[in-house]
Structure formats: structure tokens, C-alpha cells
Amino acid sequence: GSEMCIRDSSSIAPLWILFLWIGFGLTLNHSMAWLFKNIKMGYLLMALGPPLSYISADRLGAVTISNMVLTSLIVSLSWMLVFTALILFKKNQQPKAHYEYI
């Protein structure tokens, strides 16, 4: 199976990384607006970027990944699902046009 061992022995993420993710989440409408305009590029980046960061972390010794192919596939698919959810959320947040007929 796919197994990943993080070198830090704590069971939850450190507080600073949680705040980093919260900050990232608050900037999605601005930082990722260009990806929402080019959906294919967004999916390509979601498929390649996150697995490459895990591979880099493994090579730098921050984590140990026993099955790189399976882990990369899972991470890639997970981020593509997150991107899909963000697209759907953003579409639902768009103001609806209201027309009045006189």
C-alpha cells in the first residue's frame, strides 16, 4: 500500500501551517482567479504541482514515501477533486442576473 511517514512525530499539523492554509484559502478568489478562467490549465497544474511537491519533500528528507507512484496518483486526484469543488463553489457564489420585464 501507499505509506507516508512524516519526520515530525506530532500527530496534528503545527499551528503555523494551519494558519498558512487558512490564509491561502482566503485568497483563492484572487490568487487562483486566472485558473478559473482557464479550467484545463487548472486541472493540469492540480495534476502535476502537488505530487511534485510531495516528491520534493521526499527527496529533501522531510517525509518518507514508500510507494511514490500510488501516493502521487492519490495526491493528484485529491487536488483535482478539490479544484472541482472550488469551481462548483465559485459558480454557486456568482450573483444571479435578475431581469425585470416591464
Protein backbone atom coordinates (compact mmCIF):
# COMPACT_ATOMS: atom_id res chain seq x y z
CA GLY A 1 0.00 0.00 0.00
CA SER A 2 0.89 3.64 -0.07
CA GLU A 3 2.53 4.79 3.10
CA MET A 4 3.94 8.18 4.01
CA CYS A 5 5.93 8.85 7.15
CA ILE A 6 6.37 12.44 8.27
CA ARG A 7 9.62 13.03 10.11
CA ASP A 8 7.95 15.15 12.82
CA SER A 9 6.38 12.87 15.40
CA SER A 10 3.43 15.12 16.29
CA SER A 11 0.04 13.78 15.29
CA ILE A 12 -1.52 17.07 14.14
CA ALA A 13 -0.26 19.87 11.95
CA PRO A 14 1.57 22.68 13.71
CA LEU A 15 -0.45 25.83 14.33
CA TRP A 16 1.59 27.89 11.85
CA ILE A 17 0.75 25.56 8.97
CA LEU A 18 -2.96 25.68 9.85
CA PHE A 19 -2.85 29.49 9.70
CA LEU A 20 -0.94 29.29 6.42
CA TRP A 21 -3.72 27.14 4.91
CA ILE A 22 -6.41 29.46 6.26
CA GLY A 23 -4.60 32.42 4.71
CA PHE A 24 -4.29 30.56 1.43
CA GLY A 25 -7.99 29.71 1.46
CA LEU A 26 -8.92 33.35 1.99
CA THR A 27 -7.01 34.42 -1.12
CA LEU A 28 -8.46 31.87 -3.57
CA ASN A 29 -10.66 34.37 -5.39
CA HIS A 30 -7.60 36.48 -6.10
CA SER A 31 -4.65 34.10 -6.26
CA MET A 32 -6.39 31.47 -8.37
CA ALA A 33 -8.74 33.65 -10.41
CA TRP A 34 -6.69 33.03 -13.55
CA LEU A 35 -7.09 29.28 -13.12
CA PHE A 36 -10.86 29.60 -13.01
CA LYS A 37 -10.69 31.33 -16.39
CA ASN A 38 -8.58 28.51 -17.88
CA ILE A 39 -10.00 25.32 -16.38
CA LYS A 40 -7.81 22.95 -18.41
CA MET A 41 -4.65 24.67 -17.16
CA GLY A 42 -6.03 24.47 -13.62
CA TYR A 43 -6.53 20.72 -13.86
CA LEU A 44 -3.06 20.30 -15.37
CA LEU A 45 -1.47 22.24 -12.51
CA MET A 46 -3.52 20.33 -9.91
CA ALA A 47 -2.41 17.05 -11.50
CA LEU A 48 1.29 17.93 -11.52
CA GLY A 49 2.03 20.54 -8.83
CA PRO A 50 1.01 18.82 -5.60
CA PRO A 51 2.63 15.44 -6.42
CA LEU A 52 5.84 17.24 -7.38
CA SER A 53 5.88 18.99 -4.00
CA TYR A 54 5.50 15.62 -2.22
CA ILE A 55 8.29 14.14 -4.34
CA SER A 56 10.47 17.15 -3.46
CA ALA A 57 9.67 16.73 0.24
CA ASP A 58 10.69 13.06 -0.02
CA ARG A 59 13.95 13.94 -1.77
CA LEU A 60 14.73 16.61 0.84
CA GLY A 61 14.10 14.11 3.63
CA ALA A 62 11.05 15.88 5.12
CA VAL A 63 8.86 12.80 4.52
CA THR A 64 9.40 9.21 3.52
CA ILE A 65 7.07 7.88 0.84
CA SER A 66 7.19 4.13 0.30
CA ASN A 67 5.12 3.97 -2.91
CA MET A 68 5.79 7.15 -4.89
CA VAL A 69 3.58 6.27 -7.88
CA LEU A 70 0.48 5.41 -5.83
CA THR A 71 0.98 8.36 -3.48
CA SER A 72 1.42 10.75 -6.42
CA LEU A 73 -1.73 9.40 -8.05
CA ILE A 74 -3.77 9.78 -4.84
CA VAL A 75 -2.45 13.31 -4.19
CA SER A 76 -3.06 14.33 -7.80
CA LEU A 77 -6.64 13.02 -7.86
CA SER A 78 -7.36 14.57 -4.46
CA TRP A 79 -6.26 18.02 -5.61
CA MET A 80 -8.22 17.69 -8.85
CA LEU A 81 -11.32 16.89 -6.76
CA VAL A 82 -10.63 19.91 -4.55
CA PHE A 83 -10.26 22.08 -7.67
CA THR A 84 -13.58 20.75 -8.99
CA ALA A 85 -15.24 21.57 -5.65
CA LEU A 86 -13.77 25.10 -5.77
CA ILE A 87 -15.09 25.60 -9.31
CA LEU A 88 -18.57 24.48 -8.27
CA PHE A 89 -18.46 26.62 -5.13
CA LYS A 90 -17.35 29.65 -7.12
CA LYS A 91 -20.12 29.13 -9.70
CA ASN A 92 -22.71 28.94 -6.93
CA GLN A 93 -21.38 32.17 -5.40
CA GLN A 94 -21.77 34.17 -8.61
CA PRO A 95 -24.62 36.66 -8.39
CA LYS A 96 -27.56 35.62 -10.48
CA ALA A 97 -28.78 38.09 -13.08
CA HIS A 98 -32.28 39.32 -12.33
CA TYR A 99 -34.23 40.78 -15.17
CA GLU A 100 -37.43 42.69 -14.83
CA TYR A 101 -39.78 42.79 -17.74
CA ILE A 102 -41.83 45.90 -17.94
